Amino acid sequence: MIDPITASLTLIGVFIVLLAMGAPIGLCIVIASSCTMMLVLPFDISMFATAQKMFSSLDSFALLAVPFFVLSGVIMNSGGIATRLVNFAKLFTGRLPGALSYTNIVGNMMFGAISGSAIAASTSIGGVLVPMSAKEGYNRSFAAAVNIASAPTGMLIPPTTAFILYALASGGTSIAALFAGGMVAGLLWGFGCMVVTWIVAKRHNYRVFFALQKGMALKVTLEAVPSLLLIVIIVGGIVKGIFTAIEASAIAVVYTMFLTLICYKTLKLKDMPSVFIQTVVMTGVIMFLLATSSAMSFSMSITNIPGALSQMILGISESKTLILLVITIFLLIIGAFMDIGPAILIFTPILLPIMVKLGVDPVHFGIIMIYNLAIGTITPPVGSGLYVGASVGKVKVEEVLKPLMPFYIAIIGVLLMITYLPELTLFLPRLLGVM
């Protein structure tokens, strides 16, 4: 048996070298996996095993949920939902100091949950509210920071593919329980952003803003409710056992098509080919990453990397508190350099057994993991949400980092609460009877 340290260095070294050369991350994963397997297996068997694992990992009925949820998200992104949700959010936040910032946060939470994309939320909601905030006298860098900080909430508030990927990688953790717990985590993230906004708005005396005319509340609500019902239908149906996650994903597609083509009439049939092409491209990327990550997991298992890593982490201390902190820091670093999908698929099989040994519930760890990796989408050096949000706000990244600092503190504060107070996120899955 090869030394796990040698195998780890080979795997990491090949991966980093290829990544530095600009190779696509999926290619980096599969080549690094094959090179690691060749330490213990002949070349031909290594290639065969890699291909076999890649194809067998996609032979799963549960994976049907992924393209359907991606398609429903693309339809929503293209269907002009953002303005309706912004107007609806104003009903609750329009009379508060710094109202436009609160509206941005609530709008990102709603649109991110519906679309399942932090980037889509940041672009759609922020594209409307950041210029409006700047026009009303808000500091543009602060307005952009609010948009960036709150955009990832949609990665936690269901329906979201991140929890579906975790459920697959973890060997069948309840999607309903992950959705319920993720909703609490996403709401807490948003609340943390609101606390920071309240402090800053008071300090800078940002004015109350309420642009809706008298008598418009009912109209605005009626326009927004059909979109928000998607969350209720999907999450409620899964939790109540009316349909499975796969059936829910198909229902989401039918519902969003009805909403945008017939109800709102913001999409036309001629737009659908473009929507389907976007879906195929996004699904293809996800599936390829899933396949390559499965090959990497296999290469690590035959070289005993997870076992060695588990012994190393558990050997640091017998304190559950300390080990949780170490893994949290590790995931924050990973999230800062790697996209959330590959990170879930690669590190869940490695870290979950350690968590189980410590007595951490798989649902709780899934929420911790997704929350950690979601933070990475808005942190340098790689965080796509940070760069997209800065571009939407028309500010430089270095200009937005300072106003982002209080939001980082609040978000990480919520992370520590979620990590060390498991019932904070697990009470809802238990209450709904899905754990």
Protein backbone atom coordinates (compact mmCIF):
# COMPACT_ATOMS: atom_id res chain seq x y z
CA MET A 1 0.00 0.00 0.00
CA ILE A 2 1.29 3.44 -0.96
CA ASP A 3 1.96 5.97 1.77
CA PRO A 4 -1.15 8.25 2.07
CA ILE A 5 1.12 11.30 2.39
CA THR A 6 2.77 10.54 -0.96
CA ALA A 7 -0.66 9.96 -2.52
CA SER A 8 -1.96 13.23 -1.07
CA LEU A 9 1.02 15.21 -2.33
CA THR A 10 0.61 13.68 -5.79
CA LEU A 11 -3.11 14.42 -5.91
CA ILE A 12 -2.78 18.00 -4.64
CA GLY A 13 0.39 18.74 -6.59
CA VAL A 14 -0.95 17.63 -9.98
CA PHE A 15 -4.25 19.41 -9.31
CA ILE A 16 -2.57 22.73 -8.39
CA VAL A 17 -0.11 22.61 -11.30
CA LEU A 18 -2.87 22.01 -13.83
CA LEU A 19 -5.06 24.69 -12.25
CA ALA A 20 -2.19 27.17 -12.40
CA MET A 21 -1.75 26.33 -16.09
CA GLY A 22 -5.36 27.39 -16.67
CA ALA A 23 -6.86 23.94 -17.23
CA PRO A 24 -10.63 23.58 -16.53
CA ILE A 25 -11.26 22.38 -12.98
CA GLY A 26 -13.00 19.18 -14.15
CA LEU A 27 -9.95 18.23 -16.20
CA CYS A 28 -7.67 19.04 -13.25
CA ILE A 29 -9.68 16.71 -11.04
CA VAL A 30 -9.77 13.74 -13.42
CA ILE A 31 -6.06 13.92 -14.39
CA ALA A 32 -4.97 14.33 -10.76
CA SER A 33 -7.17 11.35 -9.81
CA SER A 34 -5.72 9.16 -12.56
CA CYS A 35 -2.13 10.05 -11.61
CA THR A 36 -2.86 9.18 -7.98
CA MET A 37 -4.40 5.83 -8.93
CA MET A 38 -1.31 4.99 -10.97
CA LEU A 39 0.67 4.94 -7.74
CA VAL A 40 -1.08 1.69 -6.81
CA LEU A 41 -2.51 0.38 -10.11
CA PRO A 42 -1.09 -0.18 -13.63
CA PHE A 43 -1.77 2.53 -16.22
CA ASP A 44 -4.46 0.62 -18.16
CA ILE A 45 -6.37 -0.40 -15.04
CA SER A 46 -6.16 3.16 -13.68
CA MET A 47 -7.68 4.56 -16.88
CA PHE A 48 -10.40 1.91 -16.89
CA ALA A 49 -11.24 2.50 -13.22
CA THR A 50 -11.39 6.27 -13.75
CA ALA A 51 -13.77 5.96 -16.70
CA GLN A 52 -15.90 3.35 -14.93
CA LYS A 53 -16.29 5.48 -11.81
CA MET A 54 -17.14 8.57 -13.83
CA PHE A 55 -19.93 6.83 -15.73
CA SER A 56 -21.28 4.81 -12.80
CA SER A 57 -21.53 7.93 -10.63
CA LEU A 58 -24.03 9.41 -13.10
CA ASP A 59 -26.15 6.25 -13.13
CA SER A 60 -28.46 7.62 -10.43
CA PHE A 61 -32.17 8.33 -10.67
CA ALA A 62 -31.81 11.05 -8.03
CA LEU A 63 -29.68 13.11 -10.43
CA LEU A 64 -32.77 13.87 -12.53
CA ALA A 65 -33.58 16.60 -10.02
CA VAL A 66 -30.51 18.60 -11.02
CA PRO A 67 -31.38 19.50 -14.65
CA PHE A 68 -34.99 20.22 -13.72
CA PHE A 69 -34.06 22.61 -10.91
CA VAL A 70 -31.46 24.24 -13.16
CA LEU A 71 -34.09 24.69 -15.89
CA SER A 72 -36.63 26.21 -13.49
CA GLY A 73 -33.94 28.62 -12.25
CA VAL A 74 -33.00 29.69 -15.78
CA ILE A 75 -36.67 30.27 -16.65
CA MET A 76 -37.08 32.42 -13.54
CA ASN A 77 -33.89 34.37 -14.30
CA SER A 78 -35.12 35.12 -17.81
CA GLY A 79 -38.71 35.81 -16.80
CA GLY A 80 -38.58 39.30 -15.29
CA ILE A 81 -39.36 38.25 -11.72
CA ALA A 82 -36.88 40.64 -10.04
CA THR A 83 -38.90 43.87 -10.30
CA ARG A 84 -42.01 42.27 -8.79
CA LEU A 85 -40.02 40.92 -5.85
CA VAL A 86 -38.31 44.28 -5.29
CA ASN A 87 -41.70 46.03 -5.12
CA PHE A 88 -42.98 43.36 -2.75
CA ALA A 89 -39.92 43.71 -0.49
CA LYS A 90 -40.54 47.47 -0.29
CA LEU A 91 -43.86 46.80 1.44
CA PHE A 92 -41.92 45.49 4.46
CA THR A 93 -38.77 47.61 4.34
CA GLY A 94 -39.79 50.87 2.68
CA ARG A 95 -40.42 52.73 5.93
CA LEU A 96 -37.10 51.84 7.61
CA PRO A 97 -33.96 54.02 7.65
CA GLY A 98 -31.74 52.74 4.85
CA ALA A 99 -34.83 51.13 3.33
CA LEU A 100 -33.30 50.43 -0.08
CA SER A 101 -30.54 48.34 1.51
CA TYR A 102 -33.10 46.27 3.44
CA THR A 103 -35.08 45.90 0.23
CA ASN A 104 -31.93 44.62 -1.51
CA ILE A 105 -31.37 42.02 1.22
CA VAL A 106 -34.96 40.77 1.25
CA GLY A 107 -35.08 40.83 -2.56
CA ASN A 108 -31.89 38.75 -2.79
CA MET A 109 -33.27 36.25 -0.29
CA MET A 110 -36.49 35.80 -2.25
CA PHE A 111 -35.04 35.84 -5.76
CA GLY A 112 -32.00 33.77 -4.80
CA ALA A 113 -34.26 31.11 -3.32
CA ILE A 114 -36.46 31.04 -6.42
CA SER A 115 -33.58 31.03 -8.94
CA GLY A 116 -31.14 29.01 -6.82
CA SER A 117 -28.30 31.29 -7.92
CA ALA A 118 -26.40 33.91 -5.93
CA ILE A 119 -25.06 35.44 -9.15
CA ALA A 120 -28.56 35.74 -10.63
CA ALA A 121 -29.84 37.40 -7.45
CA SER A 122 -26.89 39.79 -7.27
CA THR A 123 -27.30 40.78 -10.91
CA SER A 124 -31.10 41.00 -11.06
CA ILE A 125 -31.89 42.59 -7.69
CA GLY A 126 -28.64 44.53 -7.32
CA GLY A 127 -28.88 45.78 -10.89
CA VAL A 128 -32.10 47.54 -9.90
CA LEU A 129 -31.35 48.64 -6.34
CA VAL A 130 -27.65 49.61 -6.27
CA PRO A 131 -28.05 52.44 -8.86
CA MET A 132 -31.29 53.51 -7.14
CA SER A 133 -29.50 53.60 -3.76
CA ALA A 134 -26.64 55.68 -5.16
CA LYS A 135 -29.17 58.11 -6.65
CA GLU A 136 -30.84 58.48 -3.24
CA GLY A 137 -27.54 59.46 -1.59
CA TYR A 138 -26.30 56.09 -0.32
CA ASN A 139 -22.59 55.44 -0.55
CA ARG A 140 -22.26 53.38 -3.73
CA SER A 141 -19.61 51.08 -2.24
CA PHE A 142 -21.88 50.36 0.74
CA ALA A 143 -24.86 49.69 -1.55
CA ALA A 144 -22.74 47.26 -3.57
CA ALA A 145 -21.50 45.61 -0.35
CA VAL A 146 -25.10 45.05 0.83
CA ASN A 147 -25.93 43.40 -2.49
CA ILE A 148 -22.80 41.20 -2.45
CA ALA A 149 -23.19 40.14 1.19
CA SER A 150 -26.84 39.10 0.91
CA ALA A 151 -26.74 37.41 -2.53
CA PRO A 152 -25.55 33.95 -1.27
CA THR A 153 -28.64 33.51 0.95
CA GLY A 154 -30.32 31.92 -2.07
CA MET A 155 -27.78 29.10 -1.93
CA LEU A 156 -29.19 28.14 1.47
CA ILE A 157 -32.89 28.96 1.18
CA PRO A 158 -34.49 26.11 -0.82
CA PRO A 159 -34.93 24.91 -3.44
CA THR A 160 -31.18 24.77 -4.09
CA THR A 161 -29.01 22.29 -5.98
CA ALA A 162 -26.21 22.62 -3.39
CA PHE A 163 -28.14 20.54 -0.86
CA ILE A 164 -29.08 17.99 -3.53
CA LEU A 165 -25.39 17.54 -4.40
CA TYR A 166 -24.56 17.16 -0.70
CA ALA A 167 -27.32 14.57 -0.27
CA LEU A 168 -25.86 12.56 -3.16
CA ALA A 169 -22.25 12.91 -1.97
CA SER A 170 -23.15 11.99 1.61
CA GLY A 171 -24.90 8.78 0.64
CA GLY A 172 -28.54 9.76 1.00
CA THR A 173 -28.99 12.44 3.66
CA SER A 174 -32.63 13.60 3.72
CA ILE A 175 -33.13 16.41 1.19
CA ALA A 176 -36.28 17.51 3.03
CA ALA A 177 -34.31 17.90 6.28
CA LEU A 178 -31.50 19.78 4.49
CA PHE A 179 -34.03 22.11 2.86
CA ALA A 180 -35.76 22.84 6.17
CA GLY A 181 -32.50 23.45 8.05
CA GLY A 182 -31.06 25.44 5.15
CA MET A 183 -34.04 27.77 5.20
CA VAL A 184 -33.29 28.68 8.83
CA ALA A 185 -29.59 29.19 8.05
CA GLY A 186 -30.40 31.41 5.06
CA LEU A 187 -32.83 33.53 7.08
CA LEU A 188 -30.23 33.95 9.84
CA TRP A 189 -27.63 35.04 7.25
CA GLY A 190 -30.07 37.63 5.93
CA PHE A 191 -30.90 38.82 9.45
CA GLY A 192 -27.19 39.26 10.18
CA CYS A 193 -26.88 41.48 7.09
CA MET A 194 -29.89 43.48 8.24
CA VAL A 195 -28.29 44.16 11.65
CA VAL A 196 -25.19 45.58 9.96
CA THR A 197 -27.36 47.62 7.59
CA TRP A 198 -29.34 49.07 10.51
CA ILE A 199 -26.13 50.21 12.26
CA VAL A 200 -24.66 51.78 9.12
CA ALA A 201 -27.97 53.39 8.05
CA LYS A 202 -28.38 54.99 11.50
CA ARG A 203 -24.80 56.26 11.47
CA HIS A 204 -25.09 57.83 8.00
CA ASN A 205 -28.75 58.84 8.39
CA TYR A 206 -29.86 57.14 5.17
CA ARG A 207 -33.43 58.25 4.60
CA VAL A 208 -36.65 56.31 4.57
CA PHE A 209 -37.78 55.42 1.07
CA PHE A 210 -41.25 54.34 0.05
CA ALA A 211 -42.05 54.75 -3.62
CA LEU A 212 -45.26 52.71 -3.83
CA GLN A 213 -48.40 54.77 -4.28
CA LYS A 214 -51.34 54.47 -1.93
CA GLY A 215 -53.55 51.51 -2.76
CA MET A 216 -50.75 49.69 -4.62
CA ALA A 217 -49.97 47.23 -1.81
CA LEU A 218 -52.59 44.70 -2.87
CA LYS A 219 -51.57 44.87 -6.53
CA VAL A 220 -47.87 44.45 -5.69
CA THR A 221 -48.63 41.52 -3.40
CA LEU A 222 -50.79 39.76 -5.98
CA GLU A 223 -48.02 40.15 -8.57
CA ALA A 224 -45.34 38.71 -6.28
CA VAL A 225 -47.26 35.89 -4.56
CA PRO A 226 -47.30 33.51 -7.58
CA SER A 227 -43.48 33.63 -7.68
CA LEU A 228 -43.14 33.10 -3.94
CA LEU A 229 -45.56 30.18 -4.08
CA LEU A 230 -42.86 28.19 -5.86
CA ILE A 231 -40.91 27.93 -2.59
CA VAL A 232 -44.04 26.93 -0.66
CA ILE A 233 -45.06 24.31 -3.23
CA ILE A 234 -41.61 22.74 -3.60
CA VAL A 235 -40.47 22.76 0.03
CA GLY A 236 -43.92 22.06 1.45
CA GLY A 237 -44.53 19.20 -0.99
CA ILE A 238 -41.20 17.53 -0.20
CA VAL A 239 -41.49 17.99 3.57
CA LYS A 240 -45.07 16.72 3.66
CA GLY A 241 -44.18 13.72 1.51
CA ILE A 242 -46.58 14.71 -1.28
CA PHE A 243 -43.82 14.24 -3.82
CA THR A 244 -40.11 13.42 -3.94
CA ALA A 245 -37.32 15.89 -4.72
CA ILE A 246 -37.22 14.61 -8.31
CA GLU A 247 -40.96 15.06 -8.78
CA ALA A 248 -40.69 18.48 -7.12
CA SER A 249 -38.04 19.55 -9.63
CA ALA A 250 -40.31 18.63 -12.55
CA ILE A 251 -43.23 20.46 -10.92
CA ALA A 252 -40.96 23.50 -10.51
CA VAL A 253 -40.32 23.54 -14.27
CA VAL A 254 -44.03 23.26 -15.15
CA TYR A 255 -44.93 25.96 -12.63
CA THR A 256 -42.23 28.43 -13.72
CA MET A 257 -43.16 27.95 -17.38
CA PHE A 258 -46.82 28.61 -16.56
CA LEU A 259 -45.81 31.68 -14.54
CA THR A 260 -43.54 33.30 -17.14
CA LEU A 261 -45.26 32.23 -20.35
CA ILE A 262 -48.92 32.56 -19.35
CA CYS A 263 -49.32 34.43 -16.06
CA TYR A 264 -46.71 37.22 -16.35
CA LYS A 265 -46.15 36.83 -20.12
CA THR A 266 -42.52 37.89 -19.68
CA LEU A 267 -41.22 34.99 -21.79
CA LYS A 268 -42.29 33.90 -25.25
CA LEU A 269 -42.03 30.53 -26.92
CA LYS A 270 -39.30 31.88 -29.18
CA ASP A 271 -37.17 32.50 -26.05
CA MET A 272 -37.32 28.87 -24.93
CA PRO A 273 -34.52 27.49 -27.20
CA SER A 274 -32.09 29.94 -25.56
CA VAL A 275 -33.36 28.88 -22.11
CA PHE A 276 -32.87 25.19 -22.94
CA ILE A 277 -29.35 25.81 -24.28
CA GLN A 278 -28.36 27.62 -21.05
CA THR A 279 -29.79 24.72 -19.06
CA VAL A 280 -27.92 22.08 -21.07
CA VAL A 281 -24.60 23.94 -20.66
CA MET A 282 -25.07 24.45 -16.89
CA THR A 283 -26.25 20.87 -16.35
CA GLY A 284 -23.37 19.50 -18.41
CA VAL A 285 -20.86 21.34 -16.23
CA ILE A 286 -22.48 20.06 -13.03
CA MET A 287 -22.66 16.47 -14.29
CA PHE A 288 -19.06 16.47 -15.51
CA LEU A 289 -17.87 17.81 -12.15
CA LEU A 290 -19.94 15.15 -10.37
CA ALA A 291 -18.37 12.43 -12.51
CA THR A 292 -14.80 13.66 -12.06
CA SER A 293 -15.31 14.18 -8.32
CA SER A 294 -16.46 10.57 -8.03
CA ALA A 295 -13.22 9.46 -9.70
CA MET A 296 -11.26 11.58 -7.25
CA SER A 297 -13.13 10.08 -4.29
CA PHE A 298 -12.28 6.59 -5.55
CA SER A 299 -8.60 7.46 -6.03
CA MET A 300 -8.46 8.80 -2.49
CA SER A 301 -10.17 5.76 -1.03
CA ILE A 302 -7.79 3.22 -2.62
CA THR A 303 -4.80 5.22 -1.38
CA ASN A 304 -6.35 5.64 2.09
CA ILE A 305 -6.17 9.44 2.04
CA PRO A 306 -9.50 9.93 3.93
CA GLY A 307 -8.41 7.54 6.69
CA ALA A 308 -5.08 9.28 7.10
CA LEU A 309 -6.73 12.72 7.10
CA SER A 310 -9.29 11.55 9.63
CA GLN A 311 -6.56 10.27 11.96
CA MET A 312 -4.63 13.52 11.56
CA ILE A 313 -7.63 15.76 12.36
CA LEU A 314 -8.86 13.59 15.22
CA GLY A 315 -5.28 13.51 16.53
CA ILE A 316 -5.19 17.29 16.88
CA SER A 317 -7.39 17.21 19.93
CA GLU A 318 -10.14 15.24 21.63
CA SER A 319 -12.18 18.43 21.84
CA LYS A 320 -15.19 18.42 19.52
CA THR A 321 -15.28 22.22 19.76
CA LEU A 322 -11.72 22.60 18.52
CA ILE A 323 -12.08 20.08 15.68
CA LEU A 324 -15.25 21.80 14.49
CA LEU A 325 -13.35 25.09 14.46
CA VAL A 326 -10.47 23.52 12.47
CA ILE A 327 -12.87 22.09 9.88
CA THR A 328 -14.77 25.38 9.67
CA ILE A 329 -11.54 27.28 8.94
CA PHE A 330 -10.55 24.59 6.43
CA LEU A 331 -13.89 24.91 4.58
CA LEU A 332 -13.65 28.71 4.58
CA ILE A 333 -10.24 28.45 2.90
CA ILE A 334 -11.51 25.86 0.39
CA GLY A 335 -14.52 28.03 -0.41
CA ALA A 336 -12.26 30.99 -1.13
CA PHE A 337 -10.43 29.03 -3.86
CA MET A 338 -12.94 26.50 -5.24
CA ASP A 339 -16.49 26.61 -6.62
CA ILE A 340 -19.15 25.26 -4.31
CA GLY A 341 -20.18 22.29 -6.50
CA PRO A 342 -16.78 20.59 -6.80
CA ALA A 343 -15.99 21.40 -3.16
CA ILE A 344 -19.15 19.63 -1.97
CA LEU A 345 -18.51 16.58 -4.12
CA ILE A 346 -14.82 16.27 -3.22
CA PHE A 347 -14.79 17.03 0.50
CA THR A 348 -18.10 15.58 1.73
CA PRO A 349 -16.85 11.95 1.52
CA ILE A 350 -13.65 13.00 3.34
CA LEU A 351 -15.06 15.15 6.14
CA LEU A 352 -18.45 13.57 6.83
CA PRO A 353 -17.03 10.36 8.41
CA ILE A 354 -14.97 12.55 10.77
CA MET A 355 -18.08 14.49 11.73
CA VAL A 356 -20.06 11.32 12.32
CA LYS A 357 -17.31 10.04 14.64
CA LEU A 358 -17.65 13.27 16.61
CA GLY A 359 -21.40 12.78 16.88
CA VAL A 360 -22.35 15.55 14.43
CA ASP A 361 -25.60 14.87 12.57
CA PRO A 362 -25.12 14.60 8.75
CA VAL A 363 -27.91 17.17 8.23
CA HIS A 364 -26.20 19.60 10.61
CA PHE A 365 -22.85 19.13 8.89
CA GLY A 366 -24.45 19.63 5.47
CA ILE A 367 -25.79 23.01 6.58
CA ILE A 368 -22.41 23.96 8.08
CA MET A 369 -20.61 22.92 4.91
CA ILE A 370 -22.89 24.73 2.44
CA TYR A 371 -22.86 27.87 4.64
CA ASN A 372 -19.04 27.86 4.78
CA LEU A 373 -18.64 27.34 1.04
CA ALA A 374 -21.28 29.99 0.27
CA ILE A 375 -19.14 32.52 2.14
CA GLY A 376 -16.32 31.66 -0.28
CA THR A 377 -18.40 32.97 -3.19
CA ILE A 378 -18.06 36.54 -1.84
CA THR A 379 -14.48 36.46 -0.58
CA PRO A 380 -11.22 37.04 -2.46
CA PRO A 381 -9.27 35.77 -4.30
CA VAL A 382 -11.67 33.68 -6.42
CA GLY A 383 -15.17 34.54 -5.14
CA SER A 384 -17.28 35.04 -8.26
CA GLY A 385 -20.05 36.75 -6.29
CA LEU A 386 -17.61 39.43 -5.11
CA TYR A 387 -16.44 40.34 -8.62
CA VAL A 388 -19.90 40.15 -10.19
CA GLY A 389 -21.38 42.26 -7.36
CA ALA A 390 -18.65 44.88 -7.74
CA SER A 391 -19.26 44.97 -11.48
CA VAL A 392 -23.02 45.36 -10.97
CA GLY A 393 -22.39 48.16 -8.47
CA LYS A 394 -19.87 49.81 -10.84
CA VAL A 395 -17.22 49.98 -8.12
CA LYS A 396 -13.73 48.50 -7.87
CA VAL A 397 -13.28 45.37 -5.76
CA GLU A 398 -10.82 47.15 -3.44
CA GLU A 399 -13.43 49.88 -2.85
CA VAL A 400 -16.07 47.42 -1.72
CA LEU A 401 -13.90 45.33 0.62
CA LYS A 402 -13.89 47.88 3.45
CA PRO A 403 -17.72 48.23 3.66
CA LEU A 404 -17.94 44.43 3.34
CA MET A 405 -15.91 43.83 6.53
CA PRO A 406 -18.81 44.35 9.00
CA PHE A 407 -20.94 42.01 6.88
CA TYR A 408 -18.20 39.34 6.94
CA ILE A 409 -18.11 39.62 10.75
CA ALA A 410 -21.89 39.26 11.03
CA ILE A 411 -22.03 36.34 8.57
CA ILE A 412 -19.21 34.46 10.31
CA GLY A 413 -20.85 35.21 13.66
CA VAL A 414 -24.00 33.47 12.41
CA LEU A 415 -21.82 30.61 11.11
CA LEU A 416 -20.37 30.04 14.59
CA MET A 417 -23.87 30.08 16.09
CA ILE A 418 -25.04 27.49 13.55
CA THR A 419 -21.94 25.35 14.13
CA TYR A 420 -22.02 25.28 17.93
CA LEU A 421 -25.79 25.48 18.47
CA PRO A 422 -27.05 22.63 16.25
CA GLU A 423 -30.66 22.92 17.39
CA LEU A 424 -30.74 26.41 15.89
CA THR A 425 -31.05 24.86 12.43
CA LEU A 426 -32.22 21.35 13.33
CA PHE A 427 -35.32 22.38 15.28
CA LEU A 428 -37.35 22.96 12.08
CA PRO A 429 -36.53 19.59 10.45
CA ARG A 430 -37.39 17.90 13.77
CA LEU A 431 -40.59 19.92 14.10
CA LEU A 432 -41.63 18.94 10.58
CA GLY A 433 -40.79 15.29 11.24
CA VAL A 434 -38.26 14.92 8.42
CA MET A 435 -35.33 13.87 10.67
